[in-house]
Amino acid sequence: MNLAGSVDTNILVRLVTQDDARQARAVDRLMARCANEGQLLWVPVTVVLELEWVLRTRASLAKAQFVQIMNALLSMVELSFESENAVEQALSDYQEGSADFGECLHVAQAQVRQALPFWTFDRKATKLTGASVLV
């Protein structure tokens, strides 16, 4: 894997919202350079978690919009996601269920690590396969 570096949440926010023209152009140039040079930008799983929060709370995007955006980002050849399988599983669980995205991602990460059950007090999270309520 030929990495050109990694990205912060604000880079992905600019990429998907284009809410700051100058910064969006800079992100577009970075993506084009990576595509032209066959390089990847690494996306930490913590950035994915923060991205959902920013898009939900600051951009007022609905669950379906976030899932659509994440699927588009996951398909970009310029991006390499940490724990991509867990992110994909979390998106699926989030889309189908009532648990928060963060809880879905936590449980998906625990599944990948074979560290189940995922103990929680969050009753919505316990509807996820592998999560258990601590009583």
C-alpha atoms as a PDB file:
ATOM      1  CA  MET A   1       0.000   0.000   0.000  1.00  0.00           C
ATOM      2  CA  ASN A   2       1.460   3.309  -1.107  1.00  0.00           C
ATOM      3  CA  LEU A   3       0.205   5.872   1.397  1.00  0.00           C
ATOM      4  CA  ALA A   4       0.206   9.601   0.770  1.00  0.00           C
ATOM      5  CA  GLY A   5      -0.683  10.180   4.417  1.00  0.00           C
ATOM      6  CA  SER A   6      -3.885  10.175   6.393  1.00  0.00           C
ATOM      7  CA  VAL A   7      -6.846  12.519   6.693  1.00  0.00           C
ATOM      8  CA  ASP A   8      -8.627  14.339   9.463  1.00  0.00           C
ATOM      9  CA  THR A   9     -12.388  14.534   9.772  1.00  0.00           C
ATOM     10  CA  ASN A  10     -12.461  18.091   8.425  1.00  0.00           C
ATOM     11  CA  ILE A  11     -10.935  16.914   5.130  1.00  0.00           C
ATOM     12  CA  LEU A  12     -13.776  14.431   4.613  1.00  0.00           C
ATOM     13  CA  VAL A  13     -16.357  17.000   5.699  1.00  0.00           C
ATOM     14  CA  ARG A  14     -15.068  19.421   3.037  1.00  0.00           C
ATOM     15  CA  LEU A  15     -15.041  16.594   0.478  1.00  0.00           C
ATOM     16  CA  VAL A  16     -18.673  15.646   1.029  1.00  0.00           C
ATOM     17  CA  THR A  17     -20.259  18.990   1.897  1.00  0.00           C
ATOM     18  CA  GLN A  18     -18.166  21.387  -0.217  1.00  0.00           C
ATOM     19  CA  ASP A  19     -19.174  24.003   2.392  1.00  0.00           C
ATOM     20  CA  ASP A  20     -15.934  25.989   2.155  1.00  0.00           C
ATOM     21  CA  ALA A  21     -14.949  26.629  -1.459  1.00  0.00           C
ATOM     22  CA  ARG A  22     -11.234  27.249  -0.812  1.00  0.00           C
ATOM     23  CA  GLN A  23     -10.792  24.210   1.411  1.00  0.00           C
ATOM     24  CA  ALA A  24     -12.929  22.044  -0.885  1.00  0.00           C
ATOM     25  CA  ARG A  25     -10.668  22.925  -3.831  1.00  0.00           C
ATOM     26  CA  ALA A  26      -7.620  21.955  -1.765  1.00  0.00           C
ATOM     27  CA  VAL A  27      -9.215  18.614  -0.897  1.00  0.00           C
ATOM     28  CA  ASP A  28     -10.169  18.037  -4.534  1.00  0.00           C
ATOM     29  CA  ARG A  29      -6.550  18.713  -5.570  1.00  0.00           C
ATOM     30  CA  LEU A  30      -5.291  16.250  -2.946  1.00  0.00           C
ATOM     31  CA  MET A  31      -7.705  13.563  -4.153  1.00  0.00           C
ATOM     32  CA  ALA A  32      -6.747  14.146  -7.780  1.00  0.00           C
ATOM     33  CA  ARG A  33      -3.033  13.950  -6.933  1.00  0.00           C
ATOM     34  CA  CYS A  34      -3.546  10.667  -5.079  1.00  0.00           C
ATOM     35  CA  ALA A  35      -5.574   9.242  -7.960  1.00  0.00           C
ATOM     36  CA  ASN A  36      -2.955  10.304 -10.521  1.00  0.00           C
ATOM     37  CA  GLU A  37      -0.049   8.940  -8.473  1.00  0.00           C
ATOM     38  CA  GLY A  38      -1.784   5.750  -7.335  1.00  0.00           C
ATOM     39  CA  GLN A  39      -1.505   6.717  -3.693  1.00  0.00           C
ATOM     40  CA  LEU A  40      -3.934   6.190  -0.841  1.00  0.00           C
ATOM     41  CA  LEU A  41      -5.042   8.344   2.039  1.00  0.00           C
ATOM     42  CA  TRP A  42      -5.557   6.391   5.251  1.00  0.00           C
ATOM     43  CA  VAL A  43      -8.784   7.069   7.169  1.00  0.00           C
ATOM     44  CA  PRO A  44      -8.591   6.154  10.867  1.00  0.00           C
ATOM     45  CA  VAL A  45     -11.708   4.562  12.322  1.00  0.00           C
ATOM     46  CA  THR A  46     -11.865   7.430  14.827  1.00  0.00           C
ATOM     47  CA  VAL A  47     -12.250   9.835  11.902  1.00  0.00           C
ATOM     48  CA  VAL A  48     -15.219   7.802  10.637  1.00  0.00           C
ATOM     49  CA  LEU A  49     -16.821   7.995  14.071  1.00  0.00           C
ATOM     50  CA  GLU A  50     -16.284  11.746  14.261  1.00  0.00           C
ATOM     51  CA  LEU A  51     -17.496  12.214  10.673  1.00  0.00           C
ATOM     52  CA  GLU A  52     -20.875  10.707  11.532  1.00  0.00           C
ATOM     53  CA  TRP A  53     -21.194  13.020  14.534  1.00  0.00           C
ATOM     54  CA  VAL A  54     -20.260  16.136  12.531  1.00  0.00           C
ATOM     55  CA  LEU A  55     -22.579  15.322   9.634  1.00  0.00           C
ATOM     56  CA  ARG A  56     -25.466  14.493  11.986  1.00  0.00           C
ATOM     57  CA  THR A  57     -25.084  17.424  14.376  1.00  0.00           C
ATOM     58  CA  ARG A  58     -23.582  20.198  12.235  1.00  0.00           C
ATOM     59  CA  ALA A  59     -24.902  19.378   8.753  1.00  0.00           C
ATOM     60  CA  SER A  60     -28.203  17.877  10.012  1.00  0.00           C
ATOM     61  CA  LEU A  61     -27.900  14.846   7.755  1.00  0.00           C
ATOM     62  CA  ALA A  62     -30.273  11.952   8.277  1.00  0.00           C
ATOM     63  CA  LYS A  63     -29.145   8.363   8.845  1.00  0.00           C
ATOM     64  CA  ALA A  64     -29.843   7.363   5.228  1.00  0.00           C
ATOM     65  CA  GLN A  65     -27.791  10.296   3.924  1.00  0.00           C
ATOM     66  CA  PHE A  66     -24.844   9.381   6.136  1.00  0.00           C
ATOM     67  CA  VAL A  67     -24.971   5.746   5.027  1.00  0.00           C
ATOM     68  CA  GLN A  68     -25.052   6.844   1.383  1.00  0.00           C
ATOM     69  CA  ILE A  69     -22.094   9.194   1.891  1.00  0.00           C
ATOM     70  CA  MET A  70     -20.069   6.549   3.715  1.00  0.00           C
ATOM     71  CA  ASN A  71     -20.726   3.975   0.992  1.00  0.00           C
ATOM     72  CA  ALA A  72     -19.495   6.512  -1.576  1.00  0.00           C
ATOM     73  CA  LEU A  73     -16.364   7.226   0.495  1.00  0.00           C
ATOM     74  CA  LEU A  74     -15.699   3.511   0.970  1.00  0.00           C
ATOM     75  CA  SER A  75     -15.779   3.046  -2.793  1.00  0.00           C
ATOM     76  CA  MET A  76     -13.231   5.798  -3.476  1.00  0.00           C
ATOM     77  CA  VAL A  77      -9.964   4.321  -4.707  1.00  0.00           C
ATOM     78  CA  GLU A  78      -8.014   7.151  -3.060  1.00  0.00           C
ATOM     79  CA  LEU A  79      -9.139   6.207   0.462  1.00  0.00           C
ATOM     80  CA  SER A  80      -8.061   3.282   2.622  1.00  0.00           C
ATOM     81  CA  PHE A  81     -10.127   2.779   5.767  1.00  0.00           C
ATOM     82  CA  GLU A  82      -8.835   1.358   9.008  1.00  0.00           C
ATOM     83  CA  SER A  83     -11.003  -1.620   9.965  1.00  0.00           C
ATOM     84  CA  GLU A  84     -12.928  -1.350   6.698  1.00  0.00           C
ATOM     85  CA  ASN A  85     -14.852  -4.574   7.335  1.00  0.00           C
ATOM     86  CA  ALA A  86     -15.977  -3.295  10.734  1.00  0.00           C
ATOM     87  CA  VAL A  87     -16.994   0.059   9.234  1.00  0.00           C
ATOM     88  CA  GLU A  88     -19.051  -1.722   6.570  1.00  0.00           C
ATOM     89  CA  GLN A  89     -20.696  -3.952   9.192  1.00  0.00           C
ATOM     90  CA  ALA A  90     -21.427  -0.938  11.391  1.00  0.00           C
ATOM     91  CA  LEU A  91     -23.062   0.876   8.475  1.00  0.00           C
ATOM     92  CA  SER A  92     -25.259  -2.117   7.769  1.00  0.00           C
ATOM     93  CA  ASP A  93     -26.261  -2.479  11.429  1.00  0.00           C
ATOM     94  CA  TYR A  94     -26.866   1.258  11.734  1.00  0.00           C
ATOM     95  CA  GLN A  95     -29.021   1.368   8.621  1.00  0.00           C
ATOM     96  CA  GLU A  96     -31.162  -1.565   9.766  1.00  0.00           C
ATOM     97  CA  GLY A  97     -31.395  -0.902  13.496  1.00  0.00           C
ATOM     98  CA  SER A  98     -32.058   1.669  16.175  1.00  0.00           C
ATOM     99  CA  ALA A  99     -28.612   1.834  17.794  1.00  0.00           C
ATOM    100  CA  ASP A 100     -26.399   4.876  17.318  1.00  0.00           C
ATOM    101  CA  PHE A 101     -23.658   4.631  14.710  1.00  0.00           C
ATOM    102  CA  GLY A 102     -20.995   4.804  17.409  1.00  0.00           C
ATOM    103  CA  GLU A 103     -22.445   1.778  19.188  1.00  0.00           C
ATOM    104  CA  CYS A 104     -22.687  -0.094  15.882  1.00  0.00           C
ATOM    105  CA  LEU A 105     -19.029   0.654  15.191  1.00  0.00           C
ATOM    106  CA  HIS A 106     -17.950  -0.377  18.687  1.00  0.00           C
ATOM    107  CA  VAL A 107     -19.733  -3.718  18.395  1.00  0.00           C
ATOM    108  CA  ALA A 108     -18.427  -4.318  14.866  1.00  0.00           C
ATOM    109  CA  GLN A 109     -14.881  -3.635  16.077  1.00  0.00           C
ATOM    110  CA  ALA A 110     -15.394  -6.070  18.962  1.00  0.00           C
ATOM    111  CA  GLN A 111     -16.647  -8.711  16.514  1.00  0.00           C
ATOM    112  CA  VAL A 112     -13.578  -8.292  14.306  1.00  0.00           C
ATOM    113  CA  ARG A 113     -11.366  -8.601  17.374  1.00  0.00           C
ATOM    114  CA  GLN A 114     -13.367 -11.630  18.578  1.00  0.00           C
ATOM    115  CA  ALA A 115     -13.934  -9.794  21.851  1.00  0.00           C
ATOM    116  CA  LEU A 116     -17.621 -10.461  22.399  1.00  0.00           C
ATOM    117  CA  PRO A 117     -19.826  -9.927  24.182  1.00  0.00           C
ATOM    118  CA  PHE A 118     -19.667  -6.156  24.010  1.00  0.00           C
ATOM    119  CA  TRP A 119     -20.897  -5.117  27.439  1.00  0.00           C
ATOM    120  CA  THR A 120     -23.014  -1.972  27.659  1.00  0.00           C
ATOM    121  CA  PHE A 121     -25.777  -0.240  29.604  1.00  0.00           C
ATOM    122  CA  ASP A 122     -27.229   1.090  26.322  1.00  0.00           C
ATOM    123  CA  ARG A 123     -30.424  -0.892  25.676  1.00  0.00           C
ATOM    124  CA  LYS A 124     -30.541   0.112  21.988  1.00  0.00           C
ATOM    125  CA  ALA A 125     -27.006  -1.220  21.537  1.00  0.00           C
ATOM    126  CA  THR A 126     -27.979  -4.565  23.065  1.00  0.00           C
ATOM    127  CA  LYS A 127     -30.200  -5.182  20.037  1.00  0.00           C
ATOM    128  CA  LEU A 128     -26.984  -5.584  18.033  1.00  0.00           C
ATOM    129  CA  THR A 129     -25.677  -9.124  17.627  1.00  0.00           C
ATOM    130  CA  GLY A 130     -22.831  -9.556  20.068  1.00  0.00           C
ATOM    131  CA  ALA A 131     -23.846  -6.831  22.512  1.00  0.00           C
ATOM    132  CA  SER A 132     -25.098  -7.597  26.008  1.00  0.00           C
ATOM    133  CA  VAL A 133     -26.569  -5.416  28.697  1.00  0.00           C
ATOM    134  CA  LEU A 134     -24.728  -5.382  31.970  1.00  0.00           C
ATOM    135  CA  VAL A 135     -27.158  -5.680  34.863  1.00  0.00           C
END
